[in-house]
């Protein structure tokens, strides 16, 4: 047993000599500096590529979504190649490391399945194109302009200036309403009028609002339809197509105000349902009167 310990001690002394440690430290330092320079070269290469992309991509036929997607893929590819080369220079067996990561990745994948789901969903959003950068969309209860589509989330700027980072997996599994996928958009504004009013006259008043506005299309023409017949009023709806779909929020607000002012100016009745309440003391007096008559 003592002989075994002596052999181990001797080998440790041979390994941890100043000469050996000095040589290993020098080799590690040199490899580290060379690896750092190599990775820096790849990083500088990415900066050059990014500069060229920003200069030439806007002049190409690619839209903003394709430009952003290509830029992201190139960034990860170049920097990943730089990292692999840097590790290889430092003596790391990158092939064995990647094989080990493949086995470990299965375990990590279960823990990070949401992140991988968002990554795959981001690629599917690019391929399916339910919307592109700059579109006005509604995802669930969130409405705004698509600012950026990353591999993890979609950034939406709301009308009140908030930035929403919606996970891509959530977008894939929800109904997405786009207000800018087609060249024009129809505005539907509802209003109620009295049951005694002339529908054709109201139709002329409401259509006249948009017929003289160049922001609305002549074809298809605006129209007024009856949507509901109520006990106290008639629900009608003005439907008009706007030229610039990106202004639909402002134009809807403006159109509502114009409809109210026009109907008020033309003295068109806009009733609303009312509930008539009889005071309690009057009902009590009526009950007493009825009892007196019965007597």
Protein backbone atom coordinates (compact mmCIF):
# COMPACT_ATOMS: atom_id res chain seq x y z
CA UNK A 1 0.00 0.00 0.00
CA UNK A 2 2.84 2.38 0.85
CA UNK A 3 4.45 1.59 -2.50
CA UNK A 4 1.24 2.59 -4.32
CA UNK A 5 1.10 5.92 -2.51
CA UNK A 6 4.75 6.55 -3.31
CA UNK A 7 4.13 5.95 -7.03
CA UNK A 8 1.12 8.28 -7.05
CA UNK A 9 3.05 10.95 -5.17
CA UNK A 10 5.99 10.67 -7.56
CA UNK A 11 3.81 11.09 -10.60
CA UNK A 12 2.05 14.07 -9.08
CA UNK A 13 5.39 15.67 -8.36
CA UNK A 14 6.52 15.07 -11.96
CA UNK A 15 3.29 16.57 -13.32
CA UNK A 16 3.15 19.63 -11.09
CA UNK A 17 6.71 20.78 -11.62
CA UNK A 18 7.28 24.50 -12.32
CA UNK A 19 8.58 23.66 -15.79
CA UNK A 20 5.50 21.63 -16.71
CA UNK A 21 3.03 24.13 -15.26
CA UNK A 22 4.85 27.00 -16.95
CA UNK A 23 4.75 25.27 -20.34
CA UNK A 24 1.05 24.47 -20.00
CA UNK A 25 0.24 28.01 -18.90
CA UNK A 26 2.16 29.49 -21.84
CA UNK A 27 0.49 27.12 -24.32
CA UNK A 28 -2.95 27.89 -22.88
CA UNK A 29 -2.32 31.63 -22.99
CA UNK A 30 -1.14 31.50 -26.60
CA UNK A 31 -4.08 29.34 -27.68
CA UNK A 32 -6.52 31.59 -25.81
CA UNK A 33 -5.16 34.74 -27.47
CA UNK A 34 -5.20 33.10 -30.92
CA UNK A 35 -8.75 31.82 -30.33
CA UNK A 36 -9.84 35.27 -29.17
CA UNK A 37 -8.34 36.85 -32.29
CA UNK A 38 -10.02 34.23 -34.48
CA UNK A 39 -13.42 34.86 -32.89
CA UNK A 40 -12.81 38.60 -33.16
CA UNK A 41 -12.12 38.16 -36.89
CA UNK A 42 -15.47 36.41 -37.31
CA UNK A 43 -17.16 39.16 -35.29
CA UNK A 44 -15.57 41.86 -37.45
CA UNK A 45 -16.67 39.87 -40.48
CA UNK A 46 -20.23 39.94 -39.14
CA UNK A 47 -20.03 43.72 -38.67
CA UNK A 48 -18.92 44.08 -42.30
CA UNK A 49 -21.69 41.76 -43.49
CA UNK A 50 -24.26 43.66 -41.43
CA UNK A 51 -23.09 46.96 -42.94
CA UNK A 52 -23.38 45.53 -46.46
CA UNK A 53 -26.82 44.10 -45.70
CA UNK A 54 -28.09 47.44 -44.40
CA UNK A 55 -26.73 49.13 -47.51
CA UNK A 56 -27.90 46.75 -50.22
CA UNK A 57 -30.92 44.87 -48.81
CA UNK A 58 -33.24 47.93 -48.79
CA UNK A 59 -32.53 48.27 -52.53
CA UNK A 60 -33.36 44.63 -53.21
CA UNK A 61 -36.72 43.02 -53.90
CA UNK A 62 -36.87 41.52 -50.42
CA UNK A 63 -39.43 42.96 -48.02
CA UNK A 64 -38.57 44.05 -44.47
CA UNK A 65 -39.57 40.69 -43.00
CA UNK A 66 -37.24 38.75 -45.34
CA UNK A 67 -34.45 41.23 -44.66
CA UNK A 68 -34.80 40.84 -40.88
CA UNK A 69 -35.00 37.04 -41.13
CA UNK A 70 -31.91 36.80 -43.37
CA UNK A 71 -29.97 39.16 -41.10
CA UNK A 72 -30.79 37.07 -38.01
CA UNK A 73 -29.83 33.77 -39.67
CA UNK A 74 -26.52 35.17 -40.95
CA UNK A 75 -25.70 36.64 -37.54
CA UNK A 76 -26.18 33.36 -35.69
CA UNK A 77 -24.37 31.37 -38.40
CA UNK A 78 -21.26 33.58 -38.54
CA UNK A 79 -20.91 33.93 -34.77
CA UNK A 80 -21.49 30.20 -34.22
CA UNK A 81 -18.77 29.36 -36.76
CA UNK A 82 -16.45 31.78 -34.97
CA UNK A 83 -17.16 30.11 -31.62
CA UNK A 84 -16.54 26.61 -33.00
CA UNK A 85 -13.24 27.68 -34.57
CA UNK A 86 -12.14 29.41 -31.35
CA UNK A 87 -12.84 26.26 -29.31
CA UNK A 88 -10.99 24.13 -31.86
CA UNK A 89 -7.91 26.38 -31.62
CA UNK A 90 -7.93 25.97 -27.84
CA UNK A 91 -7.75 22.19 -28.29
CA UNK A 92 -11.38 21.39 -27.58
CA UNK A 93 -12.69 18.42 -29.55
CA UNK A 94 -15.61 20.23 -31.18
CA UNK A 95 -16.90 17.09 -32.90
CA UNK A 96 -17.09 15.23 -29.61
CA UNK A 97 -18.50 18.31 -27.93
CA UNK A 98 -21.28 18.62 -30.51
CA UNK A 99 -22.07 14.92 -30.12
CA UNK A 100 -22.26 15.33 -26.37
CA UNK A 101 -24.46 18.40 -26.76
CA UNK A 102 -26.75 16.38 -28.99
CA UNK A 103 -27.36 13.90 -26.18
CA UNK A 104 -27.60 16.60 -23.54
CA UNK A 105 -29.80 18.65 -25.85
CA UNK A 106 -32.50 16.01 -25.69
CA UNK A 107 -32.66 16.46 -21.93
CA UNK A 108 -32.50 20.23 -22.17
CA UNK A 109 -35.16 20.18 -24.88
CA UNK A 110 -37.77 18.87 -22.48
CA UNK A 111 -36.98 21.65 -20.02
CA UNK A 112 -36.82 24.35 -22.70
CA UNK A 113 -39.57 23.09 -25.00
CA UNK A 114 -41.36 26.46 -24.85
CA UNK A 115 -38.24 28.23 -26.14
CA UNK A 116 -37.85 25.71 -28.97
CA UNK A 117 -41.56 26.01 -29.73
CA UNK A 118 -41.17 29.78 -30.10
CA UNK A 119 -38.13 29.24 -32.34
CA UNK A 120 -39.97 26.87 -34.68
CA UNK A 121 -43.03 29.13 -34.61
CA UNK A 122 -40.88 32.10 -35.62
CA UNK A 123 -39.67 30.19 -38.69
CA UNK A 124 -43.25 29.15 -39.52
CA UNK A 125 -44.43 32.76 -39.24
CA UNK A 126 -41.79 33.76 -41.77
CA UNK A 127 -42.74 30.94 -44.15
CA UNK A 128 -46.52 31.30 -43.77
CA UNK A 129 -46.51 35.12 -43.76
CA UNK A 130 -49.79 35.84 -41.91
CA UNK A 131 -48.31 39.33 -41.52
CA UNK A 132 -45.07 41.16 -42.23
CA UNK A 133 -43.13 43.93 -40.51
CA UNK A 134 -45.14 47.16 -40.61
CA UNK A 135 -48.56 45.47 -40.74
CA UNK A 136 -51.37 46.54 -38.42
CA UNK A 137 -52.55 43.37 -36.70
CA UNK A 138 -54.79 42.18 -33.91
CA UNK A 139 -53.66 39.13 -31.92
CA UNK A 140 -56.25 38.19 -29.35
CA UNK A 141 -57.04 41.46 -27.58
CA UNK A 142 -53.77 43.10 -28.63
CA UNK A 143 -53.77 45.55 -31.53
CA UNK A 144 -50.83 47.42 -32.99
CA UNK A 145 -48.11 47.68 -35.62
CA UNK A 146 -45.62 44.83 -36.12
CA UNK A 147 -42.24 46.35 -35.31
CA UNK A 148 -40.01 43.26 -35.34
CA UNK A 149 -40.23 39.49 -35.80
CA UNK A 150 -37.50 37.62 -33.93
CA UNK A 151 -36.93 33.89 -33.51
CA UNK A 152 -38.52 34.06 -30.05
CA UNK A 153 -41.27 36.68 -30.17
CA UNK A 154 -43.06 39.23 -32.30
CA UNK A 155 -42.78 42.84 -31.15
CA UNK A 156 -45.99 44.87 -31.54
CA UNK A 157 -46.25 48.61 -30.92
CA UNK A 158 -49.74 49.50 -29.69
CA UNK A 159 -51.61 52.67 -30.60
CA UNK A 160 -50.79 54.15 -27.18
CA UNK A 161 -47.04 53.55 -27.58
CA UNK A 162 -46.60 50.32 -25.63
CA UNK A 163 -44.32 47.54 -26.87
CA UNK A 164 -45.75 44.02 -26.61
CA UNK A 165 -43.45 41.01 -26.98
CA UNK A 166 -45.89 38.26 -27.97
CA UNK A 167 -44.36 34.73 -28.00
CA UNK A 168 -44.38 33.26 -31.50
CA UNK A 169 -46.01 30.04 -30.28
CA UNK A 170 -48.94 32.06 -28.96
CA UNK A 171 -49.37 33.79 -32.32
CA UNK A 172 -49.31 30.48 -34.20
CA UNK A 173 -52.12 29.11 -32.02
CA UNK A 174 -54.37 32.20 -32.23
CA UNK A 175 -56.43 33.91 -34.88
CA UNK A 176 -54.48 36.83 -36.30
CA UNK A 177 -56.42 39.73 -37.85
CA UNK A 178 -54.43 41.83 -40.30
CA UNK A 179 -55.71 45.26 -41.29
CA UNK A 180 -53.08 45.85 -43.97
CA UNK A 181 -52.72 42.59 -45.90
CA UNK A 182 -55.05 43.87 -48.62
CA UNK A 183 -54.99 47.27 -50.35
CA UNK A 184 -58.28 48.60 -48.94
CA UNK A 185 -60.37 48.27 -45.79
CA UNK A 186 -64.08 48.77 -45.13
CA UNK A 187 -65.27 50.84 -42.20
CA UNK A 188 -68.57 49.83 -40.59
CA UNK A 189 -70.11 52.45 -38.31
CA UNK A 190 -73.43 51.69 -36.61
CA UNK A 191 -76.07 54.21 -35.49
CA UNK A 192 -79.71 54.03 -34.38
CA UNK A 193 -82.55 56.18 -35.71
CA UNK A 194 -86.20 56.54 -34.79
CA UNK A 195 -88.74 54.07 -36.14
CA UNK A 196 -90.66 56.93 -37.78
CA UNK A 197 -87.69 58.21 -39.78
CA UNK A 198 -87.40 57.85 -43.57
CA UNK A 199 -84.72 55.20 -44.19
CA UNK A 200 -84.01 56.36 -47.74
CA UNK A 201 -83.49 59.94 -46.60
CA UNK A 202 -81.12 58.81 -43.83
CA UNK A 203 -79.27 56.71 -46.43
CA UNK A 204 -78.72 59.78 -48.61
CA UNK A 205 -77.46 61.83 -45.67
CA UNK A 206 -74.98 59.20 -44.51
CA UNK A 207 -73.68 58.27 -47.96
CA UNK A 208 -73.24 61.95 -48.71
CA UNK A 209 -70.71 62.19 -45.86
CA UNK A 210 -68.23 59.90 -47.61
CA UNK A 211 -69.13 60.65 -51.24
CA UNK A 212 -67.48 64.07 -50.93
CA UNK A 213 -64.43 62.77 -49.06
CA UNK A 214 -61.47 61.79 -51.31
CA UNK A 215 -60.20 59.41 -48.62
CA UNK A 216 -63.03 57.00 -49.47
CA UNK A 217 -63.42 54.89 -52.61
CA UNK A 218 -66.15 55.42 -55.17
CA UNK A 219 -66.00 51.74 -56.13
CA UNK A 220 -67.23 49.80 -54.33
CA UNK A 221 -69.66 52.55 -53.35
CA UNK A 222 -70.68 53.26 -49.76
CA UNK A 223 -73.98 51.87 -48.56
CA UNK A 224 -76.32 52.01 -45.59
CA UNK A 225 -77.94 48.78 -44.44
CA UNK A 226 -80.46 47.97 -41.71
CA UNK A 227 -78.87 45.62 -39.19
CA UNK A 228 -81.65 45.33 -36.61
CA UNK A 229 -85.25 46.32 -35.98
CA UNK A 230 -85.70 47.17 -32.31
CA UNK A 231 -88.78 48.16 -30.30
CA UNK A 232 -87.71 51.79 -29.91
CA UNK A 233 -85.31 52.36 -32.81
CA UNK A 234 -83.87 51.03 -36.06
CA UNK A 235 -80.19 50.05 -36.14
CA UNK A 236 -78.47 51.03 -39.39
CA UNK A 237 -74.85 50.77 -40.46
CA UNK A 238 -72.79 52.90 -42.81
CA UNK A 239 -70.27 50.81 -44.76
CA UNK A 240 -67.54 52.67 -46.66
CA UNK A 241 -64.16 51.65 -48.13
CA UNK A 242 -61.12 53.80 -47.31
CA UNK A 243 -58.12 54.24 -49.61
CA UNK A 244 -55.40 54.04 -46.97
CA UNK A 245 -56.10 51.15 -44.60
CA UNK A 246 -53.44 52.39 -42.18
CA UNK A 247 -55.62 55.35 -41.24
CA UNK A 248 -58.64 53.26 -40.31
CA UNK A 249 -58.53 54.10 -36.59
CA UNK A 250 -58.48 57.87 -37.11
CA UNK A 251 -61.01 57.73 -39.96
CA UNK A 252 -63.41 55.64 -37.88
CA UNK A 253 -63.35 58.21 -35.06
CA UNK A 254 -63.82 61.00 -37.58
CA UNK A 255 -66.68 59.24 -39.34
CA UNK A 256 -68.60 58.62 -36.11
CA UNK A 257 -68.43 62.33 -35.28
CA UNK A 258 -69.53 63.34 -38.77
CA UNK A 259 -72.49 60.95 -38.64
CA UNK A 260 -73.66 62.37 -35.32
CA UNK A 261 -73.28 65.98 -36.46
CA UNK A 262 -75.07 65.31 -39.76
CA UNK A 263 -78.05 63.52 -38.21
CA UNK A 264 -78.29 66.17 -35.51
CA UNK A 265 -78.17 68.95 -38.13
CA UNK A 266 -80.83 67.23 -40.27
CA UNK A 267 -82.98 66.76 -37.13
CA UNK A 268 -83.01 62.99 -37.46
CA UNK A 269 -84.21 61.39 -34.26
CA UNK A 270 -81.62 59.14 -32.60
CA UNK A 271 -83.60 57.62 -29.73
CA UNK A 272 -82.42 55.24 -27.09
CA UNK A 273 -84.32 52.79 -24.94
CA UNK A 274 -85.69 54.24 -21.70
CA UNK A 275 -87.17 52.67 -18.61
CA UNK A 276 -90.00 54.54 -16.89
CA UNK A 277 -90.08 54.12 -13.10
CA UNK A 278 -93.16 54.91 -11.01
CA UNK A 279 -92.29 56.45 -7.59
CA UNK A 280 -93.01 54.14 -4.67
CA UNK A 281 -95.19 56.63 -2.75
CA UNK A 282 -97.52 57.08 -5.74
CA UNK A 283 -97.99 53.36 -6.02
CA UNK A 284 -98.80 53.18 -2.33
CA UNK A 285 -101.40 55.93 -2.74
CA UNK A 286 -102.91 54.08 -5.67
CA UNK A 287 -103.14 50.92 -3.60
CA UNK A 288 -104.89 52.79 -0.76
CA UNK A 289 -107.33 54.33 -3.22
CA UNK A 290 -108.15 50.91 -4.60
CA UNK A 291 -108.76 49.57 -1.09
CA UNK A 292 -111.11 52.50 -0.30
CA UNK A 293 -113.17 51.88 -3.43
CA UNK A 294 -113.45 48.21 -2.60
CA UNK A 295 -114.76 49.04 0.85
